[in-house]
């Protein structure tokens, strides 16, 4: 073989090794949204991005109209094909069967269907980190294909803990302050240990300002029944009320009241908005 042919051969080999992507390594599957049983990932038709956006359809609970919701975060676009053990495509699965499979799995994880028509279904599933995973299911049932568009929406980042000085300044200026660092167990009125720092700052504030009286307000998002949310917000406000009394703050200086979902500070259409609405406020009396 001539030197020229050898050069062409090794150059071509190098380009193949360097340029051709290995899809199996590039396309990670989602950690908990699993495909229909028997599905195989079509790697050359799938994509993943560390950060991207997608507009999902969702039904507005107030207007009952379809809206587009722009969601940002880690994004998967995965195409799955149901195949037999011998590799043949399974073609006798209906679209309804596909949809029901994903719907049941989402409901078991505390999720819900936010949109559905003949061509697609959109699911939202809450995650332990406070974020929400959105998933659009569509595909061609006659070819045994499901296409999943998934975004792990990032959880709402809480504000910094307010010290006694910042609390006093906010109450003097605005008459109220929102406290996102007072945390409770999920669906409970039990304080998490991470709340201690913010609560101790409130204790210091009240001890340093003996004439200051405050209302402790509990607020929720609109998930669940309104009456239940009102009760939960009252219980949480009372928990803070009782905590402050343990450190010498007299009950005459405190008022605990729950407002449930009635006073949102953000839209309840996204997890970030709902996280902002789940809060404790101090209001100067």
C-alpha atoms as a PDB file:
ATOM      1  CA  UNK A   1       0.000   0.000   0.000  1.00  0.00           C
ATOM      2  CA  UNK A   2       1.381   3.431  -0.962  1.00  0.00           C
ATOM      3  CA  UNK A   3       2.170   6.095   1.595  1.00  0.00           C
ATOM      4  CA  UNK A   4      -0.684   8.226   0.184  1.00  0.00           C
ATOM      5  CA  UNK A   5      -3.232   5.419   0.634  1.00  0.00           C
ATOM      6  CA  UNK A   6      -1.965   4.763   4.161  1.00  0.00           C
ATOM      7  CA  UNK A   7      -2.331   8.451   4.980  1.00  0.00           C
ATOM      8  CA  UNK A   8      -5.921   8.506   3.655  1.00  0.00           C
ATOM      9  CA  UNK A   9      -6.757   5.305   5.584  1.00  0.00           C
ATOM     10  CA  UNK A  10      -5.476   6.535   8.945  1.00  0.00           C
ATOM     11  CA  UNK A  11      -6.942  10.009   8.421  1.00  0.00           C
ATOM     12  CA  UNK A  12     -10.377   8.503   7.742  1.00  0.00           C
ATOM     13  CA  UNK A  13     -10.062   6.201  10.759  1.00  0.00           C
ATOM     14  CA  UNK A  14      -9.118   9.129  12.988  1.00  0.00           C
ATOM     15  CA  UNK A  15     -12.097  11.201  11.810  1.00  0.00           C
ATOM     16  CA  UNK A  16     -14.482   8.321  12.426  1.00  0.00           C
ATOM     17  CA  UNK A  17     -13.168   7.789  15.931  1.00  0.00           C
ATOM     18  CA  UNK A  18     -13.161  11.463  16.875  1.00  0.00           C
ATOM     19  CA  UNK A  19     -16.189  12.940  15.133  1.00  0.00           C
ATOM     20  CA  UNK A  20     -18.857  10.236  15.174  1.00  0.00           C
ATOM     21  CA  UNK A  21     -20.775  10.547  18.480  1.00  0.00           C
ATOM     22  CA  UNK A  22     -21.570   7.584  20.666  1.00  0.00           C
ATOM     23  CA  UNK A  23     -25.275   8.095  21.284  1.00  0.00           C
ATOM     24  CA  UNK A  24     -25.540   5.506  24.052  1.00  0.00           C
ATOM     25  CA  UNK A  25     -23.200   7.539  26.249  1.00  0.00           C
ATOM     26  CA  UNK A  26     -24.718  10.909  25.270  1.00  0.00           C
ATOM     27  CA  UNK A  27     -28.377  10.191  26.010  1.00  0.00           C
ATOM     28  CA  UNK A  28     -29.074   9.449  29.681  1.00  0.00           C
ATOM     29  CA  UNK A  29     -32.581   8.212  30.434  1.00  0.00           C
ATOM     30  CA  UNK A  30     -34.700   9.944  33.045  1.00  0.00           C
ATOM     31  CA  UNK A  31     -34.214   8.794  36.628  1.00  0.00           C
ATOM     32  CA  UNK A  32     -37.847   7.943  37.435  1.00  0.00           C
ATOM     33  CA  UNK A  33     -40.018   8.389  34.327  1.00  0.00           C
ATOM     34  CA  UNK A  34     -39.785   4.977  32.757  1.00  0.00           C
ATOM     35  CA  UNK A  35     -41.115   3.936  29.335  1.00  0.00           C
ATOM     36  CA  UNK A  36     -43.891   1.480  28.522  1.00  0.00           C
ATOM     37  CA  UNK A  37     -42.822  -2.134  29.325  1.00  0.00           C
ATOM     38  CA  UNK A  38     -40.768  -3.682  26.524  1.00  0.00           C
ATOM     39  CA  UNK A  39     -39.655  -0.302  25.145  1.00  0.00           C
ATOM     40  CA  UNK A  40     -36.220   0.325  23.662  1.00  0.00           C
ATOM     41  CA  UNK A  41     -34.678   3.803  23.402  1.00  0.00           C
ATOM     42  CA  UNK A  42     -34.139   5.001  19.822  1.00  0.00           C
ATOM     43  CA  UNK A  43     -30.827   6.676  20.604  1.00  0.00           C
ATOM     44  CA  UNK A  44     -30.332   8.367  17.222  1.00  0.00           C
ATOM     45  CA  UNK A  45     -33.740  10.086  17.585  1.00  0.00           C
ATOM     46  CA  UNK A  46     -33.335  11.186  21.211  1.00  0.00           C
ATOM     47  CA  UNK A  47     -31.746  14.258  22.783  1.00  0.00           C
ATOM     48  CA  UNK A  48     -30.639  15.558  26.186  1.00  0.00           C
ATOM     49  CA  UNK A  49     -29.614  19.041  27.358  1.00  0.00           C
ATOM     50  CA  UNK A  50     -28.383  20.201  30.770  1.00  0.00           C
ATOM     51  CA  UNK A  51     -30.548  23.315  30.434  1.00  0.00           C
ATOM     52  CA  UNK A  52     -33.265  24.106  27.914  1.00  0.00           C
ATOM     53  CA  UNK A  53     -36.916  25.143  27.758  1.00  0.00           C
ATOM     54  CA  UNK A  54     -40.192  23.838  26.384  1.00  0.00           C
ATOM     55  CA  UNK A  55     -43.749  25.148  26.157  1.00  0.00           C
ATOM     56  CA  UNK A  56     -46.196  22.638  27.620  1.00  0.00           C
ATOM     57  CA  UNK A  57     -49.959  22.826  27.356  1.00  0.00           C
ATOM     58  CA  UNK A  58     -51.889  22.992  30.639  1.00  0.00           C
ATOM     59  CA  UNK A  59     -55.491  23.713  31.577  1.00  0.00           C
ATOM     60  CA  UNK A  60     -55.871  26.845  33.690  1.00  0.00           C
ATOM     61  CA  UNK A  61     -57.873  25.727  36.721  1.00  0.00           C
ATOM     62  CA  UNK A  62     -59.669  29.077  36.999  1.00  0.00           C
ATOM     63  CA  UNK A  63     -60.587  29.721  33.356  1.00  0.00           C
ATOM     64  CA  UNK A  64     -60.627  26.053  32.274  1.00  0.00           C
ATOM     65  CA  UNK A  65     -58.873  27.136  29.088  1.00  0.00           C
ATOM     66  CA  UNK A  66     -55.736  25.718  27.516  1.00  0.00           C
ATOM     67  CA  UNK A  67     -52.588  27.748  28.084  1.00  0.00           C
ATOM     68  CA  UNK A  68     -48.916  27.403  27.215  1.00  0.00           C
ATOM     69  CA  UNK A  69     -46.529  27.156  30.165  1.00  0.00           C
ATOM     70  CA  UNK A  70     -42.845  27.808  29.504  1.00  0.00           C
ATOM     71  CA  UNK A  71     -40.761  25.457  31.650  1.00  0.00           C
ATOM     72  CA  UNK A  72     -36.956  25.577  32.001  1.00  0.00           C
ATOM     73  CA  UNK A  73     -34.462  23.044  33.333  1.00  0.00           C
ATOM     74  CA  UNK A  74     -32.827  19.753  32.369  1.00  0.00           C
ATOM     75  CA  UNK A  75     -34.495  18.518  29.202  1.00  0.00           C
ATOM     76  CA  UNK A  76     -34.962  15.065  27.717  1.00  0.00           C
ATOM     77  CA  UNK A  77     -36.530  14.324  24.325  1.00  0.00           C
ATOM     78  CA  UNK A  78     -36.749  10.537  24.230  1.00  0.00           C
ATOM     79  CA  UNK A  79     -38.214   8.298  21.541  1.00  0.00           C
ATOM     80  CA  UNK A  80     -39.060   4.768  22.663  1.00  0.00           C
ATOM     81  CA  UNK A  81     -40.170   1.800  20.558  1.00  0.00           C
ATOM     82  CA  UNK A  82     -41.880  -1.282  21.943  1.00  0.00           C
ATOM     83  CA  UNK A  83     -40.216  -4.386  20.510  1.00  0.00           C
ATOM     84  CA  UNK A  84     -40.402  -8.130  21.045  1.00  0.00           C
ATOM     85  CA  UNK A  85     -37.467 -10.157  22.391  1.00  0.00           C
ATOM     86  CA  UNK A  86     -36.505 -10.895  18.784  1.00  0.00           C
ATOM     87  CA  UNK A  87     -36.450  -7.184  17.942  1.00  0.00           C
ATOM     88  CA  UNK A  88     -39.725  -6.966  16.012  1.00  0.00           C
ATOM     89  CA  UNK A  89     -41.839  -3.861  16.442  1.00  0.00           C
ATOM     90  CA  UNK A  90     -45.043  -4.292  18.504  1.00  0.00           C
ATOM     91  CA  UNK A  91     -47.920  -2.605  16.655  1.00  0.00           C
ATOM     92  CA  UNK A  92     -51.066  -3.618  18.531  1.00  0.00           C
ATOM     93  CA  UNK A  93     -50.820  -1.192  21.500  1.00  0.00           C
ATOM     94  CA  UNK A  94     -53.401   1.582  21.500  1.00  0.00           C
ATOM     95  CA  UNK A  95     -52.571   5.200  22.315  1.00  0.00           C
ATOM     96  CA  UNK A  96     -55.041   5.004  25.209  1.00  0.00           C
ATOM     97  CA  UNK A  97     -53.043   2.127  26.701  1.00  0.00           C
ATOM     98  CA  UNK A  98     -49.862   4.174  26.438  1.00  0.00           C
ATOM     99  CA  UNK A  99     -51.506   7.181  28.101  1.00  0.00           C
ATOM    100  CA  UNK A 100     -53.077   5.153  30.910  1.00  0.00           C
ATOM    101  CA  UNK A 101     -49.720   3.512  31.704  1.00  0.00           C
ATOM    102  CA  UNK A 102     -47.999   6.874  32.194  1.00  0.00           C
ATOM    103  CA  UNK A 103     -50.984   8.406  33.984  1.00  0.00           C
ATOM    104  CA  UNK A 104     -51.154   5.629  36.612  1.00  0.00           C
ATOM    105  CA  UNK A 105     -47.396   5.822  37.205  1.00  0.00           C
ATOM    106  CA  UNK A 106     -47.556   9.618  37.657  1.00  0.00           C
ATOM    107  CA  UNK A 107     -50.503   9.466  40.066  1.00  0.00           C
ATOM    108  CA  UNK A 108     -48.653   6.907  42.195  1.00  0.00           C
ATOM    109  CA  UNK A 109     -45.848   9.481  42.607  1.00  0.00           C
ATOM    110  CA  UNK A 110     -48.232  12.277  43.608  1.00  0.00           C
ATOM    111  CA  UNK A 111     -48.435  13.744  40.113  1.00  0.00           C
ATOM    112  CA  UNK A 112     -51.391  14.799  38.017  1.00  0.00           C
ATOM    113  CA  UNK A 113     -52.580  15.239  34.440  1.00  0.00           C
ATOM    114  CA  UNK A 114     -52.622  18.941  33.511  1.00  0.00           C
ATOM    115  CA  UNK A 115     -53.613  18.501  29.857  1.00  0.00           C
ATOM    116  CA  UNK A 116     -54.887  15.723  27.608  1.00  0.00           C
ATOM    117  CA  UNK A 117     -56.323  15.438  24.110  1.00  0.00           C
ATOM    118  CA  UNK A 118     -56.261  12.815  21.356  1.00  0.00           C
ATOM    119  CA  UNK A 119     -52.658  13.567  20.444  1.00  0.00           C
ATOM    120  CA  UNK A 120     -50.834  14.163  23.722  1.00  0.00           C
ATOM    121  CA  UNK A 121     -50.947  14.090  27.484  1.00  0.00           C
ATOM    122  CA  UNK A 122     -49.021  16.394  29.859  1.00  0.00           C
ATOM    123  CA  UNK A 123     -48.148  15.299  33.389  1.00  0.00           C
ATOM    124  CA  UNK A 124     -46.548  17.091  36.337  1.00  0.00           C
ATOM    125  CA  UNK A 125     -44.800  15.189  39.134  1.00  0.00           C
ATOM    126  CA  UNK A 126     -43.433  16.816  42.329  1.00  0.00           C
ATOM    127  CA  UNK A 127     -39.852  15.993  43.307  1.00  0.00           C
ATOM    128  CA  UNK A 128     -38.202  15.751  46.725  1.00  0.00           C
ATOM    129  CA  UNK A 129     -35.998  18.786  45.965  1.00  0.00           C
ATOM    130  CA  UNK A 130     -39.052  21.044  45.712  1.00  0.00           C
ATOM    131  CA  UNK A 131     -39.040  21.165  41.917  1.00  0.00           C
ATOM    132  CA  UNK A 132     -41.510  19.711  39.451  1.00  0.00           C
ATOM    133  CA  UNK A 133     -40.951  17.338  36.565  1.00  0.00           C
ATOM    134  CA  UNK A 134     -43.062  18.017  33.470  1.00  0.00           C
ATOM    135  CA  UNK A 135     -43.643  15.263  30.918  1.00  0.00           C
ATOM    136  CA  UNK A 136     -45.405  15.384  27.541  1.00  0.00           C
ATOM    137  CA  UNK A 137     -46.388  11.974  26.188  1.00  0.00           C
ATOM    138  CA  UNK A 138     -47.191  11.533  22.502  1.00  0.00           C
ATOM    139  CA  UNK A 139     -46.317   9.112  19.741  1.00  0.00           C
ATOM    140  CA  UNK A 140     -47.501   6.670  17.099  1.00  0.00           C
ATOM    141  CA  UNK A 141     -49.289   3.704  18.643  1.00  0.00           C
ATOM    142  CA  UNK A 142     -49.400   1.891  15.284  1.00  0.00           C
ATOM    143  CA  UNK A 143     -45.598   1.807  15.290  1.00  0.00           C
ATOM    144  CA  UNK A 144     -45.313   1.142  19.014  1.00  0.00           C
ATOM    145  CA  UNK A 145     -43.616   4.509  19.519  1.00  0.00           C
ATOM    146  CA  UNK A 146     -43.810   6.913  22.438  1.00  0.00           C
ATOM    147  CA  UNK A 147     -42.122  10.293  22.439  1.00  0.00           C
ATOM    148  CA  UNK A 148     -41.435  11.830  25.843  1.00  0.00           C
ATOM    149  CA  UNK A 149     -40.492  15.466  26.322  1.00  0.00           C
ATOM    150  CA  UNK A 150     -39.359  15.806  29.938  1.00  0.00           C
ATOM    151  CA  UNK A 151     -38.104  18.826  31.851  1.00  0.00           C
ATOM    152  CA  UNK A 152     -36.947  18.793  35.463  1.00  0.00           C
ATOM    153  CA  UNK A 153     -37.998  22.278  36.488  1.00  0.00           C
ATOM    154  CA  UNK A 154     -35.727  23.676  39.170  1.00  0.00           C
ATOM    155  CA  UNK A 155     -37.160  24.263  42.620  1.00  0.00           C
ATOM    156  CA  UNK A 156     -37.692  27.769  43.931  1.00  0.00           C
ATOM    157  CA  UNK A 157     -34.589  29.163  45.628  1.00  0.00           C
ATOM    158  CA  UNK A 158     -35.497  30.643  48.997  1.00  0.00           C
ATOM    159  CA  UNK A 159     -34.400  34.112  50.006  1.00  0.00           C
ATOM    160  CA  UNK A 160     -31.638  34.559  52.533  1.00  0.00           C
ATOM    161  CA  UNK A 161     -32.475  34.231  56.202  1.00  0.00           C
ATOM    162  CA  UNK A 162     -33.366  37.622  57.713  1.00  0.00           C
ATOM    163  CA  UNK A 163     -31.436  38.627  60.832  1.00  0.00           C
ATOM    164  CA  UNK A 164     -32.993  40.777  63.608  1.00  0.00           C
ATOM    165  CA  UNK A 165     -31.775  44.022  62.019  1.00  0.00           C
ATOM    166  CA  UNK A 166     -33.160  43.153  58.574  1.00  0.00           C
ATOM    167  CA  UNK A 167     -36.452  42.024  60.126  1.00  0.00           C
ATOM    168  CA  UNK A 168     -36.821  45.334  61.996  1.00  0.00           C
ATOM    169  CA  UNK A 169     -35.993  47.368  58.898  1.00  0.00           C
ATOM    170  CA  UNK A 170     -38.534  45.479  56.775  1.00  0.00           C
ATOM    171  CA  UNK A 171     -41.280  45.810  59.388  1.00  0.00           C
ATOM    172  CA  UNK A 172     -40.611  49.532  59.823  1.00  0.00           C
ATOM    173  CA  UNK A 173     -40.555  50.133  56.082  1.00  0.00           C
ATOM    174  CA  UNK A 174     -43.254  47.809  54.729  1.00  0.00           C
ATOM    175  CA  UNK A 175     -45.076  46.661  57.843  1.00  0.00           C
ATOM    176  CA  UNK A 176     -44.513  43.019  56.906  1.00  0.00           C
ATOM    177  CA  UNK A 177     -41.811  40.546  55.889  1.00  0.00           C
ATOM    178  CA  UNK A 178     -42.053  37.223  54.031  1.00  0.00           C
ATOM    179  CA  UNK A 179     -40.063  34.379  55.619  1.00  0.00           C
ATOM    180  CA  UNK A 180     -39.255  31.463  53.320  1.00  0.00           C
ATOM    181  CA  UNK A 181     -36.787  29.910  55.752  1.00  0.00           C
ATOM    182  CA  UNK A 182     -39.496  28.725  58.142  1.00  0.00           C
ATOM    183  CA  UNK A 183     -40.022  25.213  56.842  1.00  0.00           C
ATOM    184  CA  UNK A 184     -42.504  22.477  57.677  1.00  0.00           C
ATOM    185  CA  UNK A 185     -42.749  18.772  56.960  1.00  0.00           C
ATOM    186  CA  UNK A 186     -44.746  18.010  53.832  1.00  0.00           C
ATOM    187  CA  UNK A 187     -48.479  18.493  54.410  1.00  0.00           C
ATOM    188  CA  UNK A 188     -47.840  18.904  58.166  1.00  0.00           C
ATOM    189  CA  UNK A 189     -47.512  21.690  60.737  1.00  0.00           C
ATOM    190  CA  UNK A 190     -44.300  20.209  62.185  1.00  0.00           C
ATOM    191  CA  UNK A 191     -41.287  22.511  61.973  1.00  0.00           C
ATOM    192  CA  UNK A 192     -38.155  21.297  60.231  1.00  0.00           C
ATOM    193  CA  UNK A 193     -34.881  21.729  62.098  1.00  0.00           C
ATOM    194  CA  UNK A 194     -33.635  24.071  59.344  1.00  0.00           C
ATOM    195  CA  UNK A 195     -36.177  26.628  60.585  1.00  0.00           C
ATOM    196  CA  UNK A 196     -34.371  27.223  63.897  1.00  0.00           C
ATOM    197  CA  UNK A 197     -32.007  29.911  62.616  1.00  0.00           C
ATOM    198  CA  UNK A 198     -34.786  32.125  61.260  1.00  0.00           C
ATOM    199  CA  UNK A 199     -37.005  31.543  64.299  1.00  0.00           C
ATOM    200  CA  UNK A 200     -34.204  32.479  66.685  1.00  0.00           C
ATOM    201  CA  UNK A 201     -33.714  35.731  64.774  1.00  0.00           C
ATOM    202  CA  UNK A 202     -37.411  36.485  65.369  1.00  0.00           C
ATOM    203  CA  UNK A 203     -36.986  35.750  69.072  1.00  0.00           C
ATOM    204  CA  UNK A 204     -34.035  38.152  69.223  1.00  0.00           C
ATOM    205  CA  UNK A 205     -36.022  40.806  67.346  1.00  0.00           C
ATOM    206  CA  UNK A 206     -38.905  40.614  69.810  1.00  0.00           C
ATOM    207  CA  UNK A 207     -36.674  40.551  72.881  1.00  0.00           C
ATOM    208  CA  UNK A 208     -34.784  43.629  71.661  1.00  0.00           C
ATOM    209  CA  UNK A 209     -38.027  45.479  70.838  1.00  0.00           C
ATOM    210  CA  UNK A 210     -40.381  44.834  73.773  1.00  0.00           C
ATOM    211  CA  UNK A 211     -43.114  47.128  72.408  1.00  0.00           C
ATOM    212  CA  UNK A 212     -43.288  45.334  69.057  1.00  0.00           C
ATOM    213  CA  UNK A 213     -46.376  43.201  68.403  1.00  0.00           C
ATOM    214  CA  UNK A 214     -46.685  40.984  65.327  1.00  0.00           C
ATOM    215  CA  UNK A 215     -49.217  38.852  63.546  1.00  0.00           C
ATOM    216  CA  UNK A 216     -47.883  35.473  62.408  1.00  0.00           C
ATOM    217  CA  UNK A 217     -49.534  34.613  59.104  1.00  0.00           C
ATOM    218  CA  UNK A 218     -49.637  31.193  57.494  1.00  0.00           C
ATOM    219  CA  UNK A 219     -50.163  30.918  53.716  1.00  0.00           C
ATOM    220  CA  UNK A 220     -50.418  27.991  51.288  1.00  0.00           C
ATOM    221  CA  UNK A 221     -50.627  27.392  47.547  1.00  0.00           C
ATOM    222  CA  UNK A 222     -53.872  26.250  45.933  1.00  0.00           C
ATOM    223  CA  UNK A 223     -53.068  22.543  45.786  1.00  0.00           C
ATOM    224  CA  UNK A 224     -55.850  20.598  47.512  1.00  0.00           C
ATOM    225  CA  UNK A 225     -59.154  21.799  48.958  1.00  0.00           C
ATOM    226  CA  UNK A 226     -59.423  25.428  50.085  1.00  0.00           C
ATOM    227  CA  UNK A 227     -60.837  24.486  53.509  1.00  0.00           C
ATOM    228  CA  UNK A 228     -58.002  22.028  54.117  1.00  0.00           C
ATOM    229  CA  UNK A 229     -55.403  24.626  53.117  1.00  0.00           C
ATOM    230  CA  UNK A 230     -56.955  27.166  55.481  1.00  0.00           C
ATOM    231  CA  UNK A 231     -56.741  24.709  58.388  1.00  0.00           C
ATOM    232  CA  UNK A 232     -53.146  23.771  57.536  1.00  0.00           C
ATOM    233  CA  UNK A 233     -52.072  27.427  57.365  1.00  0.00           C
ATOM    234  CA  UNK A 234     -53.681  28.111  60.760  1.00  0.00           C
ATOM    235  CA  UNK A 235     -51.901  25.119  62.292  1.00  0.00           C
ATOM    236  CA  UNK A 236     -48.553  26.277  60.927  1.00  0.00           C
ATOM    237  CA  UNK A 237     -49.036  29.820  62.206  1.00  0.00           C
ATOM    238  CA  UNK A 238     -49.911  28.403  65.633  1.00  0.00           C
ATOM    239  CA  UNK A 239     -46.782  26.247  65.608  1.00  0.00           C
ATOM    240  CA  UNK A 240     -44.645  29.387  65.200  1.00  0.00           C
ATOM    241  CA  UNK A 241     -46.764  31.121  67.862  1.00  0.00           C
ATOM    242  CA  UNK A 242     -46.033  28.325  70.358  1.00  0.00           C
ATOM    243  CA  UNK A 243     -42.324  28.226  69.447  1.00  0.00           C
ATOM    244  CA  UNK A 244     -41.867  31.919  70.229  1.00  0.00           C
ATOM    245  CA  UNK A 245     -43.595  31.541  73.607  1.00  0.00           C
ATOM    246  CA  UNK A 246     -41.062  28.840  74.561  1.00  0.00           C
ATOM    247  CA  UNK A 247     -38.392  31.557  74.439  1.00  0.00           C
ATOM    248  CA  UNK A 248     -40.175  34.087  76.623  1.00  0.00           C
ATOM    249  CA  UNK A 249     -42.314  36.007  74.139  1.00  0.00           C
ATOM    250  CA  UNK A 250     -45.659  36.684  75.821  1.00  0.00           C
ATOM    251  CA  UNK A 251     -48.811  35.692  73.909  1.00  0.00           C
ATOM    252  CA  UNK A 252     -50.212  39.241  74.233  1.00  0.00           C
ATOM    253  CA  UNK A 253     -47.610  40.368  71.686  1.00  0.00           C
ATOM    254  CA  UNK A 254     -48.502  37.708  69.139  1.00  0.00           C
ATOM    255  CA  UNK A 255     -51.443  36.858  66.910  1.00  0.00           C
ATOM    256  CA  UNK A 256     -51.463  33.665  64.838  1.00  0.00           C
ATOM    257  CA  UNK A 257     -53.756  33.454  61.818  1.00  0.00           C
ATOM    258  CA  UNK A 258     -54.008  31.255  58.734  1.00  0.00           C
ATOM    259  CA  UNK A 259     -55.077  32.587  55.351  1.00  0.00           C
ATOM    260  CA  UNK A 260     -54.837  29.393  53.325  1.00  0.00           C
ATOM    261  CA  UNK A 261     -54.618  30.033  49.585  1.00  0.00           C
ATOM    262  CA  UNK A 262     -56.520  33.345  49.659  1.00  0.00           C
ATOM    263  CA  UNK A 263     -53.511  35.712  49.410  1.00  0.00           C
ATOM    264  CA  UNK A 264     -51.083  34.424  46.756  1.00  0.00           C
ATOM    265  CA  UNK A 265     -47.990  36.468  45.977  1.00  0.00           C
ATOM    266  CA  UNK A 266     -47.332  34.609  42.723  1.00  0.00           C
ATOM    267  CA  UNK A 267     -49.098  32.460  40.140  1.00  0.00           C
ATOM    268  CA  UNK A 268     -50.091  28.957  41.215  1.00  0.00           C
ATOM    269  CA  UNK A 269     -49.610  27.695  37.646  1.00  0.00           C
ATOM    270  CA  UNK A 270     -45.953  26.779  38.183  1.00  0.00           C
ATOM    271  CA  UNK A 271     -44.062  25.041  40.973  1.00  0.00           C
ATOM    272  CA  UNK A 272     -41.922  28.151  41.486  1.00  0.00           C
ATOM    273  CA  UNK A 273     -45.048  30.240  41.986  1.00  0.00           C
ATOM    274  CA  UNK A 274     -46.611  27.699  44.340  1.00  0.00           C
ATOM    275  CA  UNK A 275     -43.381  27.575  46.368  1.00  0.00           C
ATOM    276  CA  UNK A 276     -43.515  31.353  46.794  1.00  0.00           C
ATOM    277  CA  UNK A 277     -47.111  31.107  47.975  1.00  0.00           C
ATOM    278  CA  UNK A 278     -46.243  28.539  50.670  1.00  0.00           C
ATOM    279  CA  UNK A 279     -44.876  30.912  53.261  1.00  0.00           C
ATOM    280  CA  UNK A 280     -44.980  32.472  56.732  1.00  0.00           C
ATOM    281  CA  UNK A 281     -45.243  36.238  57.075  1.00  0.00           C
ATOM    282  CA  UNK A 282     -44.678  38.569  60.013  1.00  0.00           C
ATOM    283  CA  UNK A 283     -46.968  41.608  60.002  1.00  0.00           C
ATOM    284  CA  UNK A 284     -46.509  44.528  62.360  1.00  0.00           C
ATOM    285  CA  UNK A 285     -49.566  45.255  64.523  1.00  0.00           C
END
